[in-house]
C-alpha atoms as a PDB file:
ATOM      1  CA  SER A   1     172.472 186.213  95.233  1.00  0.00           C
ATOM      2  CA  LEU A   2     172.539 182.436  95.749  1.00  0.00           C
ATOM      3  CA  ALA A   3     173.280 181.947  91.801  1.00  0.00           C
ATOM      4  CA  ASP A   4     176.619 183.865  92.949  1.00  0.00           C
ATOM      5  CA  GLU A   5     176.952 181.477  95.735  1.00  0.00           C
ATOM      6  CA  LEU A   6     176.557 178.629  94.476  1.00  0.00           C
ATOM      7  CA  PHE A   7     179.417 179.319  91.370  1.00  0.00           C
ATOM      8  CA  MET A   8     182.163 180.694  93.854  1.00  0.00           C
ATOM      9  CA  PRO A   9     184.057 177.608  93.685  1.00  0.00           C
ATOM     10  CA  PHE A  10     184.623 178.413  90.039  1.00  0.00           C
ATOM     11  CA  THR A  11     185.719 182.368  90.481  1.00  0.00           C
ATOM     12  CA  VAL A  12     187.198 184.671  92.751  1.00  0.00           C
ATOM     13  CA  GLY A  13     184.578 187.058  91.997  1.00  0.00           C
ATOM     14  CA  GLY A  14     181.719 184.673  92.705  1.00  0.00           C
ATOM     15  CA  GLY A  15     179.861 184.222  89.571  1.00  0.00           C
ATOM     16  CA  VAL A  16     180.499 183.293  86.257  1.00  0.00           C
ATOM     17  CA  SER A  17     182.795 185.489  84.184  1.00  0.00           C
ATOM     18  CA  LYS A  18     185.324 183.366  82.003  1.00  0.00           C
ATOM     19  CA  LEU A  19     185.494 180.784  79.703  1.00  0.00           C
ATOM     20  CA  GLU A  20     186.596 178.285  82.047  1.00  0.00           C
ATOM     21  CA  ASP A  21     183.820 178.906  84.220  1.00  0.00           C
ATOM     22  CA  PHE A  22     181.686 177.909  81.682  1.00  0.00           C
ATOM     23  CA  ARG A  23     183.770 174.365  81.486  1.00  0.00           C
ATOM     24  CA  ASP A  24     184.138 173.766  84.884  1.00  0.00           C
ATOM     25  CA  LEU A  25     180.296 173.999  85.316  1.00  0.00           C
ATOM     26  CA  LEU A  26     179.197 171.887  82.210  1.00  0.00           C
ATOM     27  CA  LYS A  27     182.182 168.989  83.353  1.00  0.00           C
ATOM     28  CA  ALA A  28     180.949 169.607  86.582  1.00  0.00           C
ATOM     29  CA  GLY A  29     177.163 168.002  84.600  1.00  0.00           C
ATOM     30  CA  ALA A  30     175.492 171.914  84.427  1.00  0.00           C
ATOM     31  CA  ASP A  31     173.350 172.092  80.457  1.00  0.00           C
ATOM     32  CA  LYS A  32     173.181 175.553  80.617  1.00  0.00           C
ATOM     33  CA  ILE A  33     174.987 178.584  82.328  1.00  0.00           C
ATOM     34  CA  CYS A  34     173.421 181.612  82.895  1.00  0.00           C
ATOM     35  CA  ILE A  35     175.120 185.269  82.892  1.00  0.00           C
ATOM     36  CA  CYS A  36     173.875 188.670  83.767  1.00  0.00           C
ATOM     37  CA  THR A  37     176.511 190.997  84.660  1.00  0.00           C
ATOM     38  CA  ALA A  38     179.465 189.183  83.070  1.00  0.00           C
ATOM     39  CA  ALA A  39     177.425 189.312  79.547  1.00  0.00           C
ATOM     40  CA  ILE A  40     177.491 193.055  80.358  1.00  0.00           C
ATOM     41  CA  GLU A  41     181.233 193.673  81.312  1.00  0.00           C
ATOM     42  CA  ASN A  42     182.105 191.573  78.318  1.00  0.00           C
ATOM     43  CA  PRO A  43     180.000 190.910  76.161  1.00  0.00           C
ATOM     44  CA  ASN A  44     182.545 188.370  74.013  1.00  0.00           C
ATOM     45  CA  LEU A  45     182.515 186.085  76.659  1.00  0.00           C
ATOM     46  CA  VAL A  46     178.527 185.479  74.981  1.00  0.00           C
ATOM     47  CA  THR A  47     180.001 184.850  71.772  1.00  0.00           C
ATOM     48  CA  GLU A  48     183.250 182.831  72.914  1.00  0.00           C
ATOM     49  CA  ALA A  49     180.976 180.073  75.075  1.00  0.00           C
ATOM     50  CA  ALA A  50     178.519 179.930  72.062  1.00  0.00           C
ATOM     51  CA  GLU A  51     180.964 178.934  69.859  1.00  0.00           C
ATOM     52  CA  ALA A  52     183.211 176.751  72.543  1.00  0.00           C
ATOM     53  CA  PHE A  53     179.721 175.216  73.728  1.00  0.00           C
ATOM     54  CA  GLY A  54     177.375 175.802  71.502  1.00  0.00           C
ATOM     55  CA  ARG A  55     174.312 178.322  71.925  1.00  0.00           C
ATOM     56  CA  GLN A  56     172.061 175.995  73.579  1.00  0.00           C
ATOM     57  CA  CYS A  57     173.990 176.137  77.100  1.00  0.00           C
ATOM     58  CA  VAL A  58     174.476 180.091  76.850  1.00  0.00           C
ATOM     59  CA  VAL A  59     171.720 182.090  78.709  1.00  0.00           C
ATOM     60  CA  VAL A  60     171.687 185.926  79.432  1.00  0.00           C
ATOM     61  CA  ASN A  61     169.624 186.750  82.388  1.00  0.00           C
ATOM     62  CA  ILE A  62     168.181 190.278  81.757  1.00  0.00           C
ATOM     63  CA  ASP A  63     167.557 192.165  85.357  1.00  0.00           C
ATOM     64  CA  TYR A  64     165.956 195.358  84.740  1.00  0.00           C
ATOM     65  CA  ARG A  65     163.778 198.311  85.691  1.00  0.00           C
ATOM     66  CA  LEU A  66     162.410 201.721  85.426  1.00  0.00           C
ATOM     67  CA  ASN A  67     165.892 203.926  85.730  1.00  0.00           C
ATOM     68  CA  ASP A  68     165.338 207.941  87.362  1.00  0.00           C
ATOM     69  CA  GLU A  69     164.142 208.973  84.124  1.00  0.00           C
ATOM     70  CA  GLY A  70     160.954 206.688  83.767  1.00  0.00           C
ATOM     71  CA  LYS A  71     163.012 204.383  80.922  1.00  0.00           C
ATOM     72  CA  LEU A  72     163.112 200.888  81.407  1.00  0.00           C
ATOM     73  CA  GLU A  73     167.244 200.224  81.740  1.00  0.00           C
ATOM     74  CA  VAL A  74     169.645 197.045  82.513  1.00  0.00           C
ATOM     75  CA  PHE A  75     170.885 196.663  85.735  1.00  0.00           C
ATOM     76  CA  GLY A  76     173.868 194.670  86.296  1.00  0.00           C
ATOM     77  CA  ARG A  77     175.382 193.558  89.840  1.00  0.00           C
ATOM     78  CA  ALA A  78     172.182 192.753  91.504  1.00  0.00           C
ATOM     79  CA  GLY A  79     170.470 195.599  90.432  1.00  0.00           C
ATOM     80  CA  THR A  80     173.067 198.607  91.868  1.00  0.00           C
ATOM     81  CA  ILE A  81     174.440 199.352  88.556  1.00  0.00           C
ATOM     82  CA  GLY A  82     172.646 200.796  85.542  1.00  0.00           C
ATOM     83  CA  THR A  83     173.736 200.472  82.008  1.00  0.00           C
ATOM     84  CA  GLY A  84     171.942 202.867  80.013  1.00  0.00           C
ATOM     85  CA  TYR A  85     171.125 199.885  78.136  1.00  0.00           C
ATOM     86  CA  ASP A  86     167.110 198.996  76.807  1.00  0.00           C
ATOM     87  CA  PRO A  87     166.335 195.482  77.820  1.00  0.00           C
ATOM     88  CA  ILE A  88     164.811 194.450  74.722  1.00  0.00           C
ATOM     89  CA  GLU A  89     168.195 195.649  72.990  1.00  0.00           C
ATOM     90  CA  TRP A  90     170.784 194.260  75.075  1.00  0.00           C
ATOM     91  CA  ALA A  91     168.581 190.800  74.063  1.00  0.00           C
ATOM     92  CA  THR A  92     168.959 191.541  70.635  1.00  0.00           C
ATOM     93  CA  VAL A  93     172.551 192.048  71.482  1.00  0.00           C
ATOM     94  CA  CYS A  94     172.777 189.472  72.891  1.00  0.00           C
ATOM     95  CA  GLN A  95     171.238 187.256  70.830  1.00  0.00           C
ATOM     96  CA  LYS A  96     173.262 188.166  67.755  1.00  0.00           C
ATOM     97  CA  ARG A  97     176.121 187.142  70.118  1.00  0.00           C
ATOM     98  CA  GLY A  98     175.295 183.736  70.836  1.00  0.00           C
ATOM     99  CA  ALA A  99     172.968 183.359  73.298  1.00  0.00           C
ATOM    100  CA  GLY A 100     170.400 180.559  72.838  1.00  0.00           C
ATOM    101  CA  GLU A 101     168.140 181.883  75.732  1.00  0.00           C
ATOM    102  CA  ILE A 102     167.563 185.157  77.279  1.00  0.00           C
ATOM    103  CA  ILE A 103     166.025 185.474  80.391  1.00  0.00           C
ATOM    104  CA  PHE A 104     163.990 188.629  81.187  1.00  0.00           C
ATOM    105  CA  ASN A 105     163.864 189.544  85.268  1.00  0.00           C
ATOM    106  CA  ASN A 106     161.572 192.745  85.964  1.00  0.00           C
ATOM    107  CA  ILE A 107     163.389 194.166  89.027  1.00  0.00           C
ATOM    108  CA  ASP A 108     160.761 196.418  90.196  1.00  0.00           C
ATOM    109  CA  ARG A 109     158.175 193.401  90.055  1.00  0.00           C
ATOM    110  CA  ASP A 110     160.633 190.501  91.659  1.00  0.00           C
ATOM    111  CA  GLY A 111     158.840 189.611  94.695  1.00  0.00           C
ATOM    112  CA  SER A 112     156.329 191.715  94.502  1.00  0.00           C
ATOM    113  CA  CYS A 113     153.298 188.658  93.450  1.00  0.00           C
ATOM    114  CA  ASN A 114     151.988 191.504  90.977  1.00  0.00           C
ATOM    115  CA  GLY A 115     152.138 189.878  88.196  1.00  0.00           C
ATOM    116  CA  LEU A 116     154.826 190.177  84.884  1.00  0.00           C
ATOM    117  CA  ASP A 117     155.905 192.632  82.762  1.00  0.00           C
ATOM    118  CA  ILE A 118     153.204 191.214  79.855  1.00  0.00           C
ATOM    119  CA  PRO A 119     153.906 194.713  77.267  1.00  0.00           C
ATOM    120  CA  THR A 120     158.010 194.093  77.457  1.00  0.00           C
ATOM    121  CA  LEU A 121     158.084 190.830  76.935  1.00  0.00           C
ATOM    122  CA  LYS A 122     155.444 190.511  74.477  1.00  0.00           C
ATOM    123  CA  LYS A 123     157.462 193.050  72.482  1.00  0.00           C
ATOM    124  CA  ALA A 124     160.552 191.141  73.061  1.00  0.00           C
ATOM    125  CA  ASN A 125     159.382 187.302  72.021  1.00  0.00           C
ATOM    126  CA  SER A 126     158.180 189.839  68.687  1.00  0.00           C
ATOM    127  CA  ILE A 127     161.604 190.315  67.937  1.00  0.00           C
ATOM    128  CA  LEU A 128     163.576 187.565  69.232  1.00  0.00           C
ATOM    129  CA  SER A 129     163.748 184.046  67.783  1.00  0.00           C
ATOM    130  CA  VAL A 130     165.685 182.538  71.340  1.00  0.00           C
ATOM    131  CA  PRO A 131     163.494 181.010  74.466  1.00  0.00           C
ATOM    132  CA  ILE A 132     162.512 183.774  76.248  1.00  0.00           C
ATOM    133  CA  VAL A 133     161.854 183.502  80.239  1.00  0.00           C
ATOM    134  CA  ALA A 134     159.630 185.744  82.493  1.00  0.00           C
ATOM    135  CA  ALA A 135     160.394 186.519  85.857  1.00  0.00           C
ATOM    136  CA  GLY A 136     159.908 188.839  88.364  1.00  0.00           C
ATOM    137  CA  GLY A 137     156.062 189.635  89.185  1.00  0.00           C
ATOM    138  CA  VAL A 138     154.473 185.657  89.445  1.00  0.00           C
ATOM    139  CA  GLY A 139     152.357 185.975  92.239  1.00  0.00           C
ATOM    140  CA  SER A 140     149.222 183.694  91.030  1.00  0.00           C
ATOM    141  CA  THR A 141     148.593 180.852  88.450  1.00  0.00           C
ATOM    142  CA  LYS A 142     147.126 183.453  85.971  1.00  0.00           C
ATOM    143  CA  HIS A 143     150.493 185.585  85.806  1.00  0.00           C
ATOM    144  CA  PHE A 144     151.725 181.949  84.488  1.00  0.00           C
ATOM    145  CA  ILE A 145     148.938 181.574  81.785  1.00  0.00           C
ATOM    146  CA  GLU A 146     149.419 185.325  81.033  1.00  0.00           C
ATOM    147  CA  GLY A 147     153.071 184.918  80.503  1.00  0.00           C
ATOM    148  CA  PHE A 148     152.325 181.980  78.020  1.00  0.00           C
ATOM    149  CA  GLU A 149     149.104 183.442  76.045  1.00  0.00           C
ATOM    150  CA  GLN A 150     149.609 187.241  76.273  1.00  0.00           C
ATOM    151  CA  ALA A 151     153.224 187.618  76.160  1.00  0.00           C
ATOM    152  CA  GLY A 152     154.158 184.136  74.378  1.00  0.00           C
ATOM    153  CA  VAL A 153     157.303 183.424  76.255  1.00  0.00           C
ATOM    154  CA  SER A 154     159.011 180.198  76.299  1.00  0.00           C
ATOM    155  CA  ALA A 155     158.894 179.186  80.084  1.00  0.00           C
ATOM    156  CA  VAL A 156     157.664 180.984  83.445  1.00  0.00           C
ATOM    157  CA  SER A 157     159.429 181.044  86.685  1.00  0.00           C
ATOM    158  CA  SER A 158     158.960 182.234  89.550  1.00  0.00           C
ATOM    159  CA  GLY A 159     160.447 182.147  93.284  1.00  0.00           C
ATOM    160  CA  THR A 160     158.395 183.901  95.470  1.00  0.00           C
ATOM    161  CA  PHE A 161     154.963 182.603  94.053  1.00  0.00           C
ATOM    162  CA  PHE A 162     155.991 178.640  95.421  1.00  0.00           C
ATOM    163  CA  ALA A 163     158.137 179.972  98.862  1.00  0.00           C
ATOM    164  CA  PHE A 164     155.158 181.944 100.083  1.00  0.00           C
ATOM    165  CA  LYS A 165     152.014 180.309  98.981  1.00  0.00           C
ATOM    166  CA  ASP A 166     150.491 177.027  99.062  1.00  0.00           C
ATOM    167  CA  GLU A 167     151.368 175.822  95.964  1.00  0.00           C
ATOM    168  CA  ASN A 168     153.703 173.088  94.337  1.00  0.00           C
ATOM    169  CA  PRO A 169     154.850 172.747  90.578  1.00  0.00           C
ATOM    170  CA  ILE A 170     151.998 169.902  90.020  1.00  0.00           C
ATOM    171  CA  GLN A 171     149.042 171.783  90.858  1.00  0.00           C
ATOM    172  CA  THR A 172     150.298 174.732  88.907  1.00  0.00           C
ATOM    173  CA  ARG A 173     151.131 172.923  86.039  1.00  0.00           C
ATOM    174  CA  ALA A 174     147.885 171.397  86.582  1.00  0.00           C
ATOM    175  CA  HIS A 175     146.109 175.225  86.459  1.00  0.00           C
ATOM    176  CA  ILE A 176     148.386 176.080  83.192  1.00  0.00           C
ATOM    177  CA  ARG A 177     147.134 172.729  81.286  1.00  0.00           C
ATOM    178  CA  ASN A 178     143.795 173.436  82.373  1.00  0.00           C
ATOM    179  CA  ALA A 179     143.855 176.591  80.969  1.00  0.00           C
ATOM    180  CA  GLY A 180     144.350 175.285  77.940  1.00  0.00           C
ATOM    181  CA  VAL A 181     148.423 175.946  77.619  1.00  0.00           C
ATOM    182  CA  ALA A 182     150.126 172.933  76.916  1.00  0.00           C
ATOM    183  CA  ILE A 183     153.066 172.367  78.694  1.00  0.00           C
ATOM    184  CA  ARG A 184     155.148 169.532  79.398  1.00  0.00           C
END
């Protein structure tokens, strides 16, 4: 992924995988460090990083999708390896270990422009106390608004929406504000 490529100078494996990677990135000016597979493979890293640098800089990305049995499951290694974890249960573990923010990325919806996974996001928001970022499926400003109003998330992330549509962040922010959602 692009994120892995950006972190390559810091680790041999191409991603943030140890406490020193956090230290190096923070010294280089990063404000927050996002991990996914590293948290799955070494949950203690979440705790160690939160204790060393503060939980506000530890963000755990949760890539999830429906598995072959029709249940939501967390996947690592760019969506190639199933973990058996339910995304909300895994988010709860990460929060307890010190994650200061959780990104929920529904792999099945990512790039589809068909909307966010509102039921999962809404359930996560009712259980977690850390900020939640919604990702995967934004195709219109309506989807941003639904994420805020229906799921109660703190932020909505989108790449496809801005890359393949004639939209920009300023226009999008205006549409969201006009819908009555208080954003910066």
